N, C-alpha and C. Protein backbone atom coordinates (compact mmCIF):
# COMPACT_ATOMS: atom_id res chain seq x y z
N MET A 1 -24.79 -19.46 -23.82
CA MET A 1 -24.26 -18.34 -23.07
C MET A 1 -22.72 -18.40 -22.88
N SER A 2 -22.14 -17.37 -23.12
CA SER A 2 -20.63 -17.39 -23.03
C SER A 2 -20.41 -17.10 -21.62
N GLU A 3 -18.98 -17.30 -21.31
CA GLU A 3 -18.52 -17.09 -19.99
C GLU A 3 -18.53 -15.74 -19.50
N SER A 4 -18.34 -14.79 -20.50
CA SER A 4 -18.33 -13.36 -20.17
C SER A 4 -19.80 -12.85 -19.64
N GLU A 5 -20.81 -13.54 -20.30
CA GLU A 5 -22.21 -13.20 -19.99
C GLU A 5 -22.59 -13.67 -18.64
N ALA A 6 -21.99 -14.86 -18.15
CA ALA A 6 -22.40 -15.49 -17.04
C ALA A 6 -21.76 -14.83 -15.62
N GLU A 7 -20.63 -14.16 -15.82
CA GLU A 7 -19.95 -13.44 -14.71
C GLU A 7 -20.36 -11.95 -14.67
N PRO A 8 -20.94 -11.62 -13.49
CA PRO A 8 -21.37 -10.29 -13.32
C PRO A 8 -20.13 -9.20 -13.28
N THR A 9 -20.29 -8.02 -13.60
CA THR A 9 -19.28 -7.26 -13.60
C THR A 9 -19.02 -6.87 -12.05
N PRO A 10 -17.74 -7.01 -11.49
CA PRO A 10 -17.46 -6.65 -10.05
C PRO A 10 -17.78 -5.14 -9.73
N GLU A 11 -18.40 -4.95 -8.68
CA GLU A 11 -18.73 -3.56 -8.30
C GLU A 11 -17.37 -2.93 -7.93
N PRO A 12 -17.22 -1.62 -8.28
CA PRO A 12 -15.94 -0.96 -7.84
C PRO A 12 -15.96 -0.65 -6.29
N PRO A 13 -14.85 -0.79 -5.69
CA PRO A 13 -14.83 -0.37 -4.32
C PRO A 13 -15.58 0.91 -3.89
N SER A 14 -16.12 0.95 -2.78
CA SER A 14 -16.73 2.30 -2.34
C SER A 14 -15.82 3.15 -1.85
N ARG A 15 -16.02 4.46 -1.85
CA ARG A 15 -15.29 5.48 -1.43
C ARG A 15 -14.80 5.27 0.06
N GLU A 16 -15.59 4.83 0.93
CA GLU A 16 -15.34 4.58 2.19
C GLU A 16 -14.27 3.49 2.31
N GLU A 17 -14.48 2.41 1.58
CA GLU A 17 -13.36 1.36 1.62
C GLU A 17 -11.99 1.84 1.18
N LEU A 18 -12.13 2.59 0.08
CA LEU A 18 -10.74 3.20 -0.48
C LEU A 18 -10.07 3.91 0.66
N LYS A 19 -10.84 4.88 1.36
CA LYS A 19 -10.46 5.68 2.39
C LYS A 19 -9.75 4.74 3.68
N LYS A 20 -10.61 3.77 3.96
CA LYS A 20 -9.84 2.81 4.96
C LYS A 20 -8.63 2.27 4.55
N ALA A 21 -8.75 1.74 3.31
CA ALA A 21 -7.39 1.11 2.68
C ALA A 21 -6.25 1.99 2.68
N MET A 22 -6.46 3.28 2.33
CA MET A 22 -5.31 4.15 2.37
C MET A 22 -4.82 4.46 3.68
N LYS A 23 -5.63 4.64 4.64
CA LYS A 23 -5.40 4.76 6.16
C LYS A 23 -4.39 3.43 6.51
N ALA A 24 -4.91 2.22 6.22
CA ALA A 24 -4.24 1.17 6.56
C ALA A 24 -2.98 1.10 5.90
N PHE A 25 -2.80 1.40 4.69
CA PHE A 25 -1.46 1.40 3.84
C PHE A 25 -0.49 2.35 4.58
N ARG A 26 -0.95 3.57 4.81
CA ARG A 26 -0.03 4.60 5.51
C ARG A 26 0.45 4.12 6.97
N LYS A 27 -0.50 3.59 7.59
CA LYS A 27 -0.05 3.03 8.97
C LYS A 27 0.86 1.81 8.80
N ARG A 28 0.67 1.01 7.98
CA ARG A 28 1.77 -0.17 7.74
C ARG A 28 3.11 0.42 7.27
N LEU A 29 2.93 1.31 6.37
CA LEU A 29 4.26 1.94 5.85
C LEU A 29 4.98 2.64 7.03
N LYS A 30 4.18 3.36 7.96
CA LYS A 30 4.91 3.98 8.97
C LYS A 30 5.58 2.99 9.98
N VAL A 31 4.76 2.04 10.29
CA VAL A 31 5.23 1.00 11.27
C VAL A 31 6.49 0.25 10.63
N THR A 32 6.49 -0.02 9.42
CA THR A 32 7.58 -0.70 8.64
C THR A 32 8.86 0.22 8.68
N ARG A 33 8.58 1.53 8.47
CA ARG A 33 9.93 2.44 8.54
C ARG A 33 10.22 2.53 10.04
N LEU A 34 9.44 2.59 11.04
CA LEU A 34 9.91 2.84 12.45
C LEU A 34 10.48 1.47 12.79
N ASP A 35 10.20 0.23 12.26
CA ASP A 35 10.82 -0.96 12.57
C ASP A 35 12.28 -0.88 11.94
N ASP A 36 12.28 -0.47 10.79
CA ASP A 36 13.57 -0.36 10.08
C ASP A 36 14.63 0.56 10.77
N GLU A 37 14.09 1.79 11.28
CA GLU A 37 14.85 2.74 11.94
C GLU A 37 15.28 2.30 13.37
N SER A 38 14.72 1.22 14.07
CA SER A 38 15.04 0.79 15.35
C SER A 38 16.11 -0.23 15.33
N ARG A 39 16.58 -0.67 14.18
CA ARG A 39 17.65 -1.56 14.30
C ARG A 39 18.84 -0.89 14.70
N LEU A 40 19.94 -1.79 14.99
CA LEU A 40 21.44 -1.19 15.42
C LEU A 40 21.80 -0.33 14.26
N GLY A 41 22.51 0.64 14.49
CA GLY A 41 23.14 1.43 13.58
C GLY A 41 22.39 2.72 13.28
N TYR A 42 21.22 2.90 13.75
CA TYR A 42 20.47 4.06 13.60
C TYR A 42 20.18 4.80 14.89
N GLY A 43 20.78 4.42 15.87
CA GLY A 43 20.65 5.09 17.26
C GLY A 43 21.22 6.45 17.45
N PRO A 44 20.83 7.13 18.42
CA PRO A 44 21.32 8.66 18.60
C PRO A 44 22.92 8.67 18.83
N MET A 45 23.46 7.48 19.35
CA MET A 45 24.86 7.64 19.61
C MET A 45 25.72 7.07 18.24
N SER A 46 25.10 6.65 17.30
CA SER A 46 25.64 6.07 16.10
C SER A 46 25.39 7.08 14.96
N GLY A 47 25.14 8.24 15.04
CA GLY A 47 24.86 9.22 14.01
C GLY A 47 23.39 9.22 13.29
N GLY A 48 22.63 8.22 13.95
CA GLY A 48 21.16 8.19 13.32
C GLY A 48 21.10 7.64 12.03
N GLY A 49 19.82 8.02 11.47
CA GLY A 49 19.69 7.62 10.10
C GLY A 49 18.36 7.61 9.80
N LYS A 50 17.90 7.57 8.53
CA LYS A 50 16.51 7.49 8.22
C LYS A 50 16.31 6.14 7.59
N SER A 51 15.03 5.80 7.71
CA SER A 51 14.72 4.55 6.87
C SER A 51 14.82 4.73 5.39
N SER A 52 15.07 3.77 4.69
CA SER A 52 15.20 3.69 3.27
C SER A 52 13.89 3.07 2.50
N VAL A 53 12.98 2.55 3.53
CA VAL A 53 11.69 1.88 3.08
C VAL A 53 10.88 2.95 2.40
N ILE A 54 10.56 2.65 1.12
CA ILE A 54 9.61 3.62 0.30
C ILE A 54 8.44 2.91 -0.18
N ALA A 55 8.45 1.51 -0.17
CA ALA A 55 7.34 0.76 -0.75
C ALA A 55 7.11 -0.51 0.10
N ILE A 56 5.96 -0.87 0.05
CA ILE A 56 5.50 -2.15 0.84
C ILE A 56 4.48 -3.03 0.18
N THR A 57 4.31 -4.21 0.69
CA THR A 57 3.15 -4.97 0.35
C THR A 57 1.94 -4.44 1.11
N PRO A 58 0.80 -4.17 0.38
CA PRO A 58 -0.32 -3.55 1.13
C PRO A 58 -0.99 -4.68 1.95
N PRO A 59 -1.69 -3.99 3.10
CA PRO A 59 -2.50 -4.95 3.93
C PRO A 59 -3.35 -6.03 3.19
N ASN A 60 -3.43 -7.24 3.55
CA ASN A 60 -4.21 -8.11 2.79
C ASN A 60 -5.54 -8.34 3.07
N GLN A 61 -6.09 -7.41 4.07
CA GLN A 61 -7.54 -7.42 4.43
C GLN A 61 -8.48 -6.77 3.29
N TYR A 62 -7.75 -6.07 2.39
CA TYR A 62 -8.39 -5.46 1.16
C TYR A 62 -8.08 -6.23 -0.07
N SER A 63 -9.02 -6.31 -0.92
CA SER A 63 -8.73 -6.93 -2.27
C SER A 63 -7.88 -6.31 -3.08
N ARG A 64 -7.45 -6.94 -4.12
CA ARG A 64 -6.45 -6.40 -5.05
C ARG A 64 -7.17 -5.22 -5.95
N ALA A 65 -8.63 -5.43 -6.11
CA ALA A 65 -9.25 -4.42 -6.75
C ALA A 65 -9.24 -3.03 -6.02
N VAL A 66 -9.27 -3.04 -4.77
CA VAL A 66 -9.05 -1.90 -4.06
C VAL A 66 -7.77 -1.13 -4.36
N TRP A 67 -6.55 -1.87 -4.29
CA TRP A 67 -5.25 -1.30 -4.58
C TRP A 67 -5.09 -0.76 -6.04
N ASP A 68 -5.97 -1.56 -6.96
CA ASP A 68 -5.79 -1.25 -8.32
C ASP A 68 -6.49 0.10 -8.65
N GLU A 69 -7.70 0.27 -7.85
CA GLU A 69 -8.39 1.49 -7.96
C GLU A 69 -7.51 2.64 -7.34
N LEU A 70 -6.90 2.54 -6.36
CA LEU A 70 -6.06 3.59 -5.75
C LEU A 70 -4.98 3.84 -6.60
N VAL A 71 -4.42 3.00 -7.59
CA VAL A 71 -3.35 3.28 -8.49
C VAL A 71 -3.90 4.05 -9.53
N LYS A 72 -5.28 3.70 -10.03
CA LYS A 72 -5.94 4.33 -11.02
C LYS A 72 -6.23 5.75 -10.75
N GLN A 73 -6.52 6.04 -9.48
CA GLN A 73 -6.92 7.42 -8.95
C GLN A 73 -5.45 8.22 -8.80
N GLY A 74 -4.39 7.47 -8.87
CA GLY A 74 -3.21 8.24 -8.74
C GLY A 74 -2.59 8.49 -7.35
N ARG A 75 -3.14 7.73 -6.41
CA ARG A 75 -2.78 7.91 -4.87
C ARG A 75 -1.66 6.90 -4.56
N LEU A 76 -1.65 5.83 -5.44
CA LEU A 76 -0.39 4.72 -4.99
C LEU A 76 0.27 4.49 -6.49
N ARG A 77 1.43 4.05 -6.36
CA ARG A 77 2.05 3.70 -7.72
C ARG A 77 2.39 2.10 -7.31
N TYR A 78 2.13 1.26 -8.45
CA TYR A 78 2.48 -0.13 -8.47
C TYR A 78 3.92 -0.22 -8.95
N LEU A 79 4.71 -0.88 -8.15
CA LEU A 79 6.08 -1.02 -8.54
C LEU A 79 6.36 -2.58 -9.17
N GLY A 80 5.37 -3.45 -9.02
CA GLY A 80 5.67 -4.85 -9.45
C GLY A 80 5.64 -5.75 -8.38
N GLN A 81 5.46 -6.96 -8.54
CA GLN A 81 5.49 -8.16 -7.70
C GLN A 81 4.65 -7.84 -6.35
N GLY A 82 3.61 -7.08 -6.39
CA GLY A 82 2.69 -6.86 -5.31
C GLY A 82 3.12 -5.72 -4.41
N ILE A 83 4.16 -4.93 -4.80
CA ILE A 83 4.78 -3.77 -4.08
C ILE A 83 4.08 -2.48 -4.51
N PHE A 84 3.78 -1.71 -3.58
CA PHE A 84 3.06 -0.41 -3.83
C PHE A 84 3.75 0.61 -2.95
N GLU A 85 3.80 1.94 -3.55
CA GLU A 85 4.39 3.18 -2.73
C GLU A 85 3.36 4.20 -2.90
N LEU A 86 3.53 5.23 -1.90
CA LEU A 86 2.73 6.32 -2.12
C LEU A 86 2.99 7.23 -3.30
N ALA A 87 2.02 7.79 -4.01
CA ALA A 87 2.42 8.47 -5.20
C ALA A 87 2.93 9.80 -4.97
N ASP A 88 2.59 10.31 -3.83
CA ASP A 88 3.11 11.68 -3.42
C ASP A 88 4.48 11.85 -2.78
N GLU A 89 5.26 10.75 -2.76
CA GLU A 89 6.63 10.74 -2.07
C GLU A 89 7.50 10.40 -3.15
């Protein structure tokens, strides 16, 4: 028996799990952007400014297979080194 026959094919992530992962990704991206904007130099008296954060490391409570599936569906883009961004931005 070869190794490929011994390993069962992993089941793709469920639709519900993908939905929760996208929600978690968007929330982490939003919090990261707010954190970046809250530093000195972006205040109302200093002319303000927008965050330049466009990509993040996704939440680690979801497996890599979930993020790969979202990339395959075109909802996220993989930029390399574990960094992802929203595909629609």
